Amino acid sequence: MTKTDLYQQTVRRLADLLSGETDFIANAANTAAVLFGSLPDVSWAGVYVNRDGELVLGPFQGPPACTRIPFGTGVCGTAAAERRTVVVPDVRRFPGHIACQPDSRSEIVVPICVDDKVVGVLDLDSPVLGRFDADDQMGLEHAVAIFLRNTASPG
């Protein structure tokens, strides 16, 4: 199966699972679980929620993680501050990387925006260098679009 096929299958599963549910936390939890369980070489998948300009740990799959990340700090904070997906092939070369997981080698973070406001970010880590690429970016941005289509903003 190609990576594109895998993402098509994964986002269909995600759309079916989230259909009819609008709760942000419930949908974030299921999104993290589906991505973590479906994508190879992913050691952590989760959502951080914007709380007054600081990203606070939300639902996730994987080992314990950093609890709070300021906007503009690390990969997650950079994606939130710049409102763009950040793909990092080697986290040890990313200035200001926050090492929540010592075995993490690559990372991708997709901002979750509602009405041009960042309400959170989707974060995935891998122990494999260069694990994430343009196909992952497209697939995960599609997953975030499905999440947003079904989910009310966090309150």
N, C-alpha and C. Protein backbone atom coordinates (compact mmCIF):
# COMPACT_ATOMS: atom_id res chain seq x y z
N MET A 1 0.85 -1.18 0.00
CA MET A 1 0.00 0.00 0.00
C MET A 1 0.90 1.25 0.00
N THR A 2 0.58 2.20 -0.85
CA THR A 2 1.35 3.43 -0.88
C THR A 2 0.97 4.32 0.31
N LYS A 3 1.81 5.31 0.57
CA LYS A 3 1.52 6.24 1.67
C LYS A 3 0.22 7.01 1.39
N THR A 4 0.01 7.37 0.13
CA THR A 4 -1.23 8.07 -0.25
C THR A 4 -2.44 7.20 0.03
N ASP A 5 -2.36 5.91 -0.34
CA ASP A 5 -3.46 4.98 -0.07
C ASP A 5 -3.70 4.85 1.43
N LEU A 6 -2.62 4.77 2.20
CA LEU A 6 -2.73 4.64 3.65
C LEU A 6 -3.45 5.85 4.24
N TYR A 7 -3.09 7.04 3.80
CA TYR A 7 -3.75 8.24 4.32
C TYR A 7 -5.21 8.31 3.88
N GLN A 8 -5.52 7.90 2.64
CA GLN A 8 -6.91 7.90 2.20
C GLN A 8 -7.75 6.96 3.08
N GLN A 9 -7.21 5.79 3.36
CA GLN A 9 -7.90 4.83 4.22
C GLN A 9 -8.03 5.40 5.64
N THR A 10 -6.98 6.00 6.15
CA THR A 10 -6.98 6.54 7.51
C THR A 10 -7.96 7.68 7.67
N VAL A 11 -7.99 8.60 6.72
CA VAL A 11 -8.92 9.74 6.86
C VAL A 11 -10.37 9.31 6.67
N ARG A 12 -10.61 8.29 5.85
CA ARG A 12 -11.98 7.75 5.74
C ARG A 12 -12.42 7.17 7.08
N ARG A 13 -11.52 6.41 7.70
CA ARG A 13 -11.82 5.83 9.02
C ARG A 13 -12.07 6.94 10.04
N LEU A 14 -11.24 7.97 10.00
CA LEU A 14 -11.39 9.10 10.92
C LEU A 14 -12.72 9.81 10.69
N ALA A 15 -13.08 10.05 9.44
CA ALA A 15 -14.34 10.72 9.13
C ALA A 15 -15.53 9.91 9.65
N ASP A 16 -15.50 8.60 9.47
CA ASP A 16 -16.58 7.74 9.97
C ASP A 16 -16.64 7.80 11.50
N LEU A 17 -15.50 7.76 12.14
CA LEU A 17 -15.44 7.75 13.60
C LEU A 17 -15.93 9.06 14.21
N LEU A 18 -15.56 10.19 13.60
CA LEU A 18 -15.92 11.50 14.15
C LEU A 18 -17.32 11.95 13.76
N SER A 19 -17.91 11.32 12.77
CA SER A 19 -19.24 11.71 12.30
C SER A 19 -20.26 11.67 13.43
N GLY A 20 -20.94 12.78 13.63
CA GLY A 20 -21.98 12.85 14.65
C GLY A 20 -21.49 13.29 16.02
N GLU A 21 -20.18 13.42 16.19
CA GLU A 21 -19.63 13.88 17.47
C GLU A 21 -18.99 15.26 17.25
N THR A 22 -19.28 16.20 18.15
CA THR A 22 -18.73 17.55 17.99
C THR A 22 -17.80 17.95 19.13
N ASP A 23 -17.67 17.15 20.16
CA ASP A 23 -16.85 17.52 21.30
C ASP A 23 -15.37 17.54 20.92
N PHE A 24 -14.70 18.63 21.22
CA PHE A 24 -13.30 18.82 20.85
C PHE A 24 -12.40 17.75 21.47
N ILE A 25 -12.55 17.52 22.77
CA ILE A 25 -11.68 16.57 23.46
C ILE A 25 -11.93 15.14 22.96
N ALA A 26 -13.17 14.75 22.82
CA ALA A 26 -13.48 13.41 22.33
C ALA A 26 -12.91 13.20 20.93
N ASN A 27 -13.10 14.18 20.05
CA ASN A 27 -12.60 14.05 18.68
C ASN A 27 -11.08 14.12 18.62
N ALA A 28 -10.46 14.94 19.48
CA ALA A 28 -9.00 14.99 19.53
C ALA A 28 -8.45 13.64 19.99
N ALA A 29 -9.09 13.03 20.98
CA ALA A 29 -8.65 11.73 21.48
C ALA A 29 -8.74 10.66 20.39
N ASN A 30 -9.85 10.62 19.69
CA ASN A 30 -9.99 9.62 18.63
C ASN A 30 -9.08 9.90 17.44
N THR A 31 -8.84 11.17 17.14
CA THR A 31 -7.92 11.51 16.05
C THR A 31 -6.51 11.02 16.40
N ALA A 32 -6.06 11.30 17.61
CA ALA A 32 -4.74 10.83 18.03
C ALA A 32 -4.65 9.31 17.98
N ALA A 33 -5.69 8.64 18.45
CA ALA A 33 -5.69 7.18 18.47
C ALA A 33 -5.66 6.58 17.07
N VAL A 34 -6.45 7.13 16.17
CA VAL A 34 -6.48 6.61 14.79
C VAL A 34 -5.13 6.81 14.12
N LEU A 35 -4.56 8.01 14.24
CA LEU A 35 -3.27 8.28 13.60
C LEU A 35 -2.16 7.43 14.20
N PHE A 36 -2.13 7.35 15.51
CA PHE A 36 -1.09 6.56 16.20
C PHE A 36 -1.19 5.08 15.80
N GLY A 37 -2.39 4.59 15.71
CA GLY A 37 -2.60 3.18 15.39
C GLY A 37 -2.48 2.84 13.91
N SER A 38 -2.57 3.83 13.05
CA SER A 38 -2.58 3.58 11.61
C SER A 38 -1.27 3.85 10.90
N LEU A 39 -0.47 4.77 11.42
CA LEU A 39 0.73 5.21 10.71
C LEU A 39 1.97 4.51 11.25
N PRO A 40 2.78 3.96 10.37
CA PRO A 40 3.99 3.27 10.82
C PRO A 40 5.05 4.25 11.32
N ASP A 41 5.89 3.77 12.21
CA ASP A 41 7.03 4.52 12.73
C ASP A 41 6.64 5.85 13.38
N VAL A 42 5.51 5.85 14.06
CA VAL A 42 5.07 7.01 14.84
C VAL A 42 5.12 6.62 16.31
N SER A 43 5.88 7.38 17.09
CA SER A 43 6.04 7.05 18.51
C SER A 43 5.16 7.91 19.42
N TRP A 44 4.55 8.96 18.85
CA TRP A 44 3.69 9.84 19.63
C TRP A 44 2.77 10.58 18.68
N ALA A 45 1.50 10.69 19.04
CA ALA A 45 0.52 11.46 18.26
C ALA A 45 -0.44 12.11 19.23
N GLY A 46 -0.62 13.41 19.09
CA GLY A 46 -1.54 14.07 20.01
C GLY A 46 -1.86 15.49 19.60
N VAL A 47 -2.70 16.08 20.42
CA VAL A 47 -3.18 17.45 20.21
C VAL A 47 -2.80 18.30 21.40
N TYR A 48 -2.27 19.46 21.12
CA TYR A 48 -2.10 20.50 22.12
C TYR A 48 -3.16 21.56 21.87
N VAL A 49 -3.74 22.11 22.93
CA VAL A 49 -4.82 23.08 22.84
C VAL A 49 -4.32 24.46 23.23
N ASN A 50 -4.71 25.48 22.47
CA ASN A 50 -4.33 26.86 22.76
C ASN A 50 -5.10 27.35 23.98
N ARG A 51 -4.36 27.71 25.01
CA ARG A 51 -4.92 28.32 26.21
C ARG A 51 -4.19 29.64 26.42
N ASP A 52 -4.78 30.73 25.89
CA ASP A 52 -4.22 32.08 26.06
C ASP A 52 -2.78 32.18 25.56
N GLY A 53 -2.53 31.70 24.35
CA GLY A 53 -1.21 31.83 23.75
C GLY A 53 -0.19 30.81 24.21
N GLU A 54 -0.65 29.80 24.89
CA GLU A 54 0.22 28.72 25.34
C GLU A 54 -0.44 27.41 24.94
N LEU A 55 0.34 26.48 24.42
CA LEU A 55 -0.19 25.18 24.03
C LEU A 55 -0.16 24.25 25.24
N VAL A 56 -1.33 23.72 25.58
CA VAL A 56 -1.48 22.85 26.74
C VAL A 56 -1.80 21.44 26.23
N LEU A 57 -1.12 20.46 26.79
CA LEU A 57 -1.28 19.08 26.38
C LEU A 57 -2.74 18.66 26.43
N GLY A 58 -3.18 18.08 25.32
CA GLY A 58 -4.52 17.52 25.23
C GLY A 58 -4.42 16.01 25.02
N PRO A 59 -5.43 15.41 24.43
CA PRO A 59 -5.42 13.97 24.22
C PRO A 59 -4.25 13.53 23.33
N PHE A 60 -3.67 12.38 23.70
CA PHE A 60 -2.53 11.87 22.94
C PHE A 60 -2.41 10.37 23.10
N GLN A 61 -1.55 9.78 22.25
CA GLN A 61 -1.17 8.37 22.32
C GLN A 61 0.35 8.33 22.35
N GLY A 62 0.90 7.57 23.26
CA GLY A 62 2.35 7.46 23.38
C GLY A 62 2.79 7.74 24.80
N PRO A 63 4.10 7.86 25.02
CA PRO A 63 4.62 8.11 26.36
C PRO A 63 4.27 9.53 26.85
N PRO A 64 4.40 9.78 28.15
CA PRO A 64 4.11 11.11 28.69
C PRO A 64 4.86 12.20 27.92
N ALA A 65 4.25 13.39 27.89
CA ALA A 65 4.79 14.47 27.06
C ALA A 65 4.87 15.77 27.84
N CYS A 66 5.49 16.76 27.20
CA CYS A 66 5.55 18.11 27.77
C CYS A 66 4.13 18.62 27.97
N THR A 67 3.90 19.30 29.08
CA THR A 67 2.56 19.75 29.41
C THR A 67 2.21 21.09 28.79
N ARG A 68 3.15 22.04 28.78
CA ARG A 68 2.89 23.38 28.26
C ARG A 68 4.02 23.83 27.34
N ILE A 69 3.63 24.43 26.22
CA ILE A 69 4.60 24.94 25.25
C ILE A 69 4.16 26.35 24.83
N PRO A 70 4.99 27.36 25.07
CA PRO A 70 4.64 28.71 24.63
C PRO A 70 4.64 28.82 23.11
N PHE A 71 3.76 29.66 22.58
CA PHE A 71 3.79 29.96 21.15
C PHE A 71 5.18 30.45 20.79
N GLY A 72 5.68 30.00 19.66
CA GLY A 72 7.00 30.42 19.19
C GLY A 72 8.14 29.58 19.71
N THR A 73 7.86 28.61 20.57
CA THR A 73 8.90 27.77 21.17
C THR A 73 8.78 26.35 20.64
N GLY A 74 9.90 25.75 20.25
CA GLY A 74 9.88 24.38 19.75
C GLY A 74 9.12 24.25 18.45
N VAL A 75 8.94 23.03 18.01
CA VAL A 75 8.26 22.78 16.74
C VAL A 75 6.77 23.11 16.86
N CYS A 76 6.14 22.68 17.96
CA CYS A 76 4.72 22.95 18.14
C CYS A 76 4.44 24.45 18.24
N GLY A 77 5.22 25.14 19.06
CA GLY A 77 5.02 26.57 19.23
C GLY A 77 5.30 27.36 17.97
N THR A 78 6.27 26.89 17.17
CA THR A 78 6.56 27.54 15.88
C THR A 78 5.39 27.37 14.92
N ALA A 79 4.86 26.16 14.81
CA ALA A 79 3.72 25.91 13.92
C ALA A 79 2.52 26.77 14.34
N ALA A 80 2.30 26.90 15.64
CA ALA A 80 1.18 27.70 16.13
C ALA A 80 1.40 29.19 15.84
N ALA A 81 2.59 29.68 16.14
CA ALA A 81 2.88 31.11 15.94
C ALA A 81 2.85 31.50 14.47
N GLU A 82 3.32 30.61 13.61
CA GLU A 82 3.40 30.91 12.18
C GLU A 82 2.19 30.42 11.40
N ARG A 83 1.28 29.71 12.06
CA ARG A 83 0.05 29.19 11.44
C ARG A 83 0.35 28.40 10.17
N ARG A 84 1.36 27.53 10.28
CA ARG A 84 1.72 26.70 9.12
C ARG A 84 2.24 25.35 9.62
N THR A 85 2.10 24.36 8.76
CA THR A 85 2.64 23.04 9.08
C THR A 85 4.17 23.10 9.06
N VAL A 86 4.76 22.49 10.08
CA VAL A 86 6.22 22.44 10.18
C VAL A 86 6.64 20.97 10.14
N VAL A 87 7.48 20.64 9.16
CA VAL A 87 8.03 19.30 9.01
C VAL A 87 9.51 19.38 9.37
N VAL A 88 9.93 18.57 10.33
CA VAL A 88 11.32 18.59 10.79
C VAL A 88 11.93 17.20 10.60
N PRO A 89 12.82 17.05 9.59
CA PRO A 89 13.42 15.75 9.34
C PRO A 89 14.35 15.27 10.45
N ASP A 90 15.01 16.23 11.14
CA ASP A 90 15.92 15.89 12.23
C ASP A 90 15.74 16.92 13.34
N VAL A 91 15.04 16.51 14.41
CA VAL A 91 14.72 17.46 15.48
C VAL A 91 15.95 18.01 16.17
N ARG A 92 17.05 17.28 16.11
CA ARG A 92 18.28 17.76 16.77
C ARG A 92 18.89 18.95 16.02
N ARG A 93 18.42 19.19 14.82
CA ARG A 93 18.91 20.33 14.04
C ARG A 93 17.91 21.49 14.04
N PHE A 94 16.81 21.33 14.77
CA PHE A 94 15.79 22.39 14.83
C PHE A 94 16.11 23.30 16.01
N PRO A 95 16.38 24.59 15.74
CA PRO A 95 16.71 25.51 16.84
C PRO A 95 15.57 25.60 17.87
N GLY A 96 15.90 25.40 19.11
CA GLY A 96 14.91 25.50 20.17
C GLY A 96 14.02 24.29 20.33
N HIS A 97 14.38 23.17 19.71
CA HIS A 97 13.57 21.96 19.84
C HIS A 97 13.41 21.59 21.31
N ILE A 98 12.20 21.22 21.70
CA ILE A 98 11.91 20.78 23.06
C ILE A 98 11.92 19.26 23.05
N ALA A 99 12.82 18.66 23.77
CA ALA A 99 12.98 17.20 23.75
C ALA A 99 12.07 16.55 24.78
N CYS A 100 10.79 16.42 24.45
CA CYS A 100 9.86 15.72 25.35
C CYS A 100 10.14 14.22 25.34
N GLN A 101 10.51 13.70 24.17
CA GLN A 101 10.81 12.28 24.01
C GLN A 101 12.26 12.13 23.58
N PRO A 102 13.09 11.49 24.38
CA PRO A 102 14.51 11.38 24.02
C PRO A 102 14.77 10.59 22.74
N ASP A 103 13.85 9.68 22.37
CA ASP A 103 14.06 8.89 21.16
C ASP A 103 13.48 9.55 19.91
N SER A 104 12.83 10.70 20.04
CA SER A 104 12.26 11.39 18.89
C SER A 104 13.36 11.91 17.98
N ARG A 105 13.24 11.62 16.69
CA ARG A 105 14.24 12.08 15.72
C ARG A 105 13.61 12.98 14.65
N SER A 106 12.33 12.79 14.36
CA SER A 106 11.66 13.66 13.38
C SER A 106 10.27 13.98 13.89
N GLU A 107 9.71 15.07 13.35
CA GLU A 107 8.43 15.57 13.88
C GLU A 107 7.69 16.32 12.79
N ILE A 108 6.36 16.29 12.88
CA ILE A 108 5.51 17.11 12.03
C ILE A 108 4.41 17.69 12.91
N VAL A 109 4.13 18.98 12.73
CA VAL A 109 3.10 19.65 13.50
C VAL A 109 2.19 20.43 12.55
N VAL A 110 0.89 20.20 12.66
CA VAL A 110 -0.11 20.86 11.83
C VAL A 110 -0.97 21.75 12.72
N PRO A 111 -1.03 23.06 12.42
CA PRO A 111 -1.90 23.92 13.23
C PRO A 111 -3.37 23.60 12.99
N ILE A 112 -4.16 23.76 14.03
CA ILE A 112 -5.61 23.59 13.95
C ILE A 112 -6.21 24.99 14.11
N CYS A 113 -6.75 25.53 13.01
CA CYS A 113 -7.20 26.93 13.00
C CYS A 113 -8.71 27.01 12.76
N VAL A 114 -9.36 27.89 13.50
CA VAL A 114 -10.78 28.20 13.31
C VAL A 114 -10.87 29.71 13.17
N ASP A 115 -11.45 30.17 12.06
CA ASP A 115 -11.59 31.60 11.80
C ASP A 115 -10.26 32.32 11.98
N ASP A 116 -9.20 31.78 11.42
CA ASP A 116 -7.86 32.35 11.44
C ASP A 116 -7.25 32.41 12.84
N LYS A 117 -7.85 31.71 13.80
CA LYS A 117 -7.27 31.63 15.15
C LYS A 117 -6.79 30.21 15.38
N VAL A 118 -5.57 30.09 15.90
CA VAL A 118 -5.04 28.77 16.23
C VAL A 118 -5.70 28.29 17.51
N VAL A 119 -6.45 27.19 17.41
CA VAL A 119 -7.10 26.62 18.60
C VAL A 119 -6.29 25.46 19.16
N GLY A 120 -5.30 25.01 18.37
CA GLY A 120 -4.45 23.92 18.81
C GLY A 120 -3.52 23.49 17.71
N VAL A 121 -2.79 22.42 17.97
CA VAL A 121 -1.92 21.81 16.96
C VAL A 121 -2.01 20.30 17.07
N LEU A 122 -1.83 19.64 15.93
CA LEU A 122 -1.68 18.19 15.86
C LEU A 122 -0.19 17.91 15.74
N ASP A 123 0.34 17.08 16.62
CA ASP A 123 1.77 16.81 16.69
C ASP A 123 2.03 15.32 16.56
N LEU A 124 2.96 14.93 15.68
CA LEU A 124 3.38 13.54 15.55
C LEU A 124 4.90 13.49 15.60
N ASP A 125 5.42 12.51 16.35
CA ASP A 125 6.85 12.28 16.48
C ASP A 125 7.19 10.89 15.97
N SER A 126 8.46 10.74 15.55
CA SER A 126 8.95 9.44 15.10
C SER A 126 10.39 9.25 15.56
N PRO A 127 10.76 8.01 15.86
CA PRO A 127 12.16 7.73 16.18
C PRO A 127 13.02 7.59 14.92
N VAL A 128 12.42 7.75 13.74
CA VAL A 128 13.11 7.58 12.46
C VAL A 128 13.45 8.94 11.86
N LEU A 129 14.71 9.15 11.54
CA LEU A 129 15.12 10.38 10.85
C LEU A 129 14.38 10.51 9.52
N GLY A 130 13.91 11.71 9.20
CA GLY A 130 13.28 11.96 7.92
C GLY A 130 11.98 11.22 7.70
N ARG A 131 11.31 10.81 8.76
CA ARG A 131 10.08 10.01 8.65
C ARG A 131 8.96 10.75 7.92
N PHE A 132 8.85 12.07 8.11
CA PHE A 132 7.72 12.83 7.58
C PHE A 132 8.12 13.61 6.33
N ASP A 133 7.20 13.64 5.36
CA ASP A 133 7.47 14.33 4.09
C ASP A 133 6.20 15.03 3.60
N ALA A 134 6.21 15.44 2.34
CA ALA A 134 5.08 16.18 1.77
C ALA A 134 3.81 15.32 1.75
N ASP A 135 3.94 14.01 1.56
CA ASP A 135 2.76 13.14 1.58
C ASP A 135 2.14 13.11 2.97
N ASP A 136 2.99 13.07 3.99
CA ASP A 136 2.47 13.12 5.37
C ASP A 136 1.81 14.47 5.63
N GLN A 137 2.43 15.54 5.18
CA GLN A 137 1.85 16.86 5.38
C GLN A 137 0.46 16.93 4.76
N MET A 138 0.32 16.47 3.52
CA MET A 138 -0.98 16.50 2.86
C MET A 138 -1.99 15.63 3.60
N GLY A 139 -1.57 14.42 3.98
CA GLY A 139 -2.49 13.52 4.67
C GLY A 139 -2.91 14.03 6.03
N LEU A 140 -1.98 14.59 6.79
CA LEU A 140 -2.31 15.09 8.12
C LEU A 140 -3.10 16.39 8.05
N GLU A 141 -2.84 17.22 7.07
CA GLU A 141 -3.66 18.42 6.89
C GLU A 141 -5.09 18.03 6.52
N HIS A 142 -5.25 16.95 5.75
CA HIS A 142 -6.58 16.43 5.44
C HIS A 142 -7.26 15.90 6.71
N ALA A 143 -6.49 15.21 7.55
CA ALA A 143 -7.04 14.71 8.82
C ALA A 143 -7.51 15.87 9.70
N VAL A 144 -6.74 16.95 9.75
CA VAL A 144 -7.13 18.12 10.54
C VAL A 144 -8.40 18.75 9.95
N ALA A 145 -8.51 18.79 8.62
CA ALA A 145 -9.73 19.33 8.00
C ALA A 145 -10.95 18.51 8.38
N ILE A 146 -10.81 17.19 8.41
CA ILE A 146 -11.92 16.33 8.83
C ILE A 146 -12.24 16.56 10.31
N PHE A 147 -11.22 16.66 11.12
CA PHE A 147 -11.40 16.98 12.55
C PHE A 147 -12.20 18.28 12.69
N LEU A 148 -11.80 19.30 11.98
CA LEU A 148 -12.48 20.61 12.10
C LEU A 148 -13.90 20.57 11.57
N ARG A 149 -14.14 19.80 10.52
CA ARG A 149 -15.47 19.71 9.94
C ARG A 149 -16.47 19.13 10.95
N ASN A 150 -15.97 18.31 11.86
CA ASN A 150 -16.86 17.62 12.80
C ASN A 150 -16.83 18.17 14.22
N THR A 151 -15.96 19.14 14.50
CA THR A 151 -15.67 19.49 15.88
C THR A 151 -15.99 20.94 16.19
N ALA A 152 -16.58 21.16 17.36
CA ALA A 152 -16.80 22.52 17.85
C ALA A 152 -15.49 23.03 18.46
N SER A 153 -15.28 24.32 18.42
CA SER A 153 -14.07 24.91 19.02
C SER A 153 -14.02 24.60 20.51
N PRO A 154 -12.78 24.45 21.04
CA PRO A 154 -12.69 24.18 22.48
C PRO A 154 -13.22 25.37 23.27
N GLY A 155 -13.84 25.08 24.37
CA GLY A 155 -14.46 26.15 25.13
C GLY A 155 -13.66 26.54 26.29
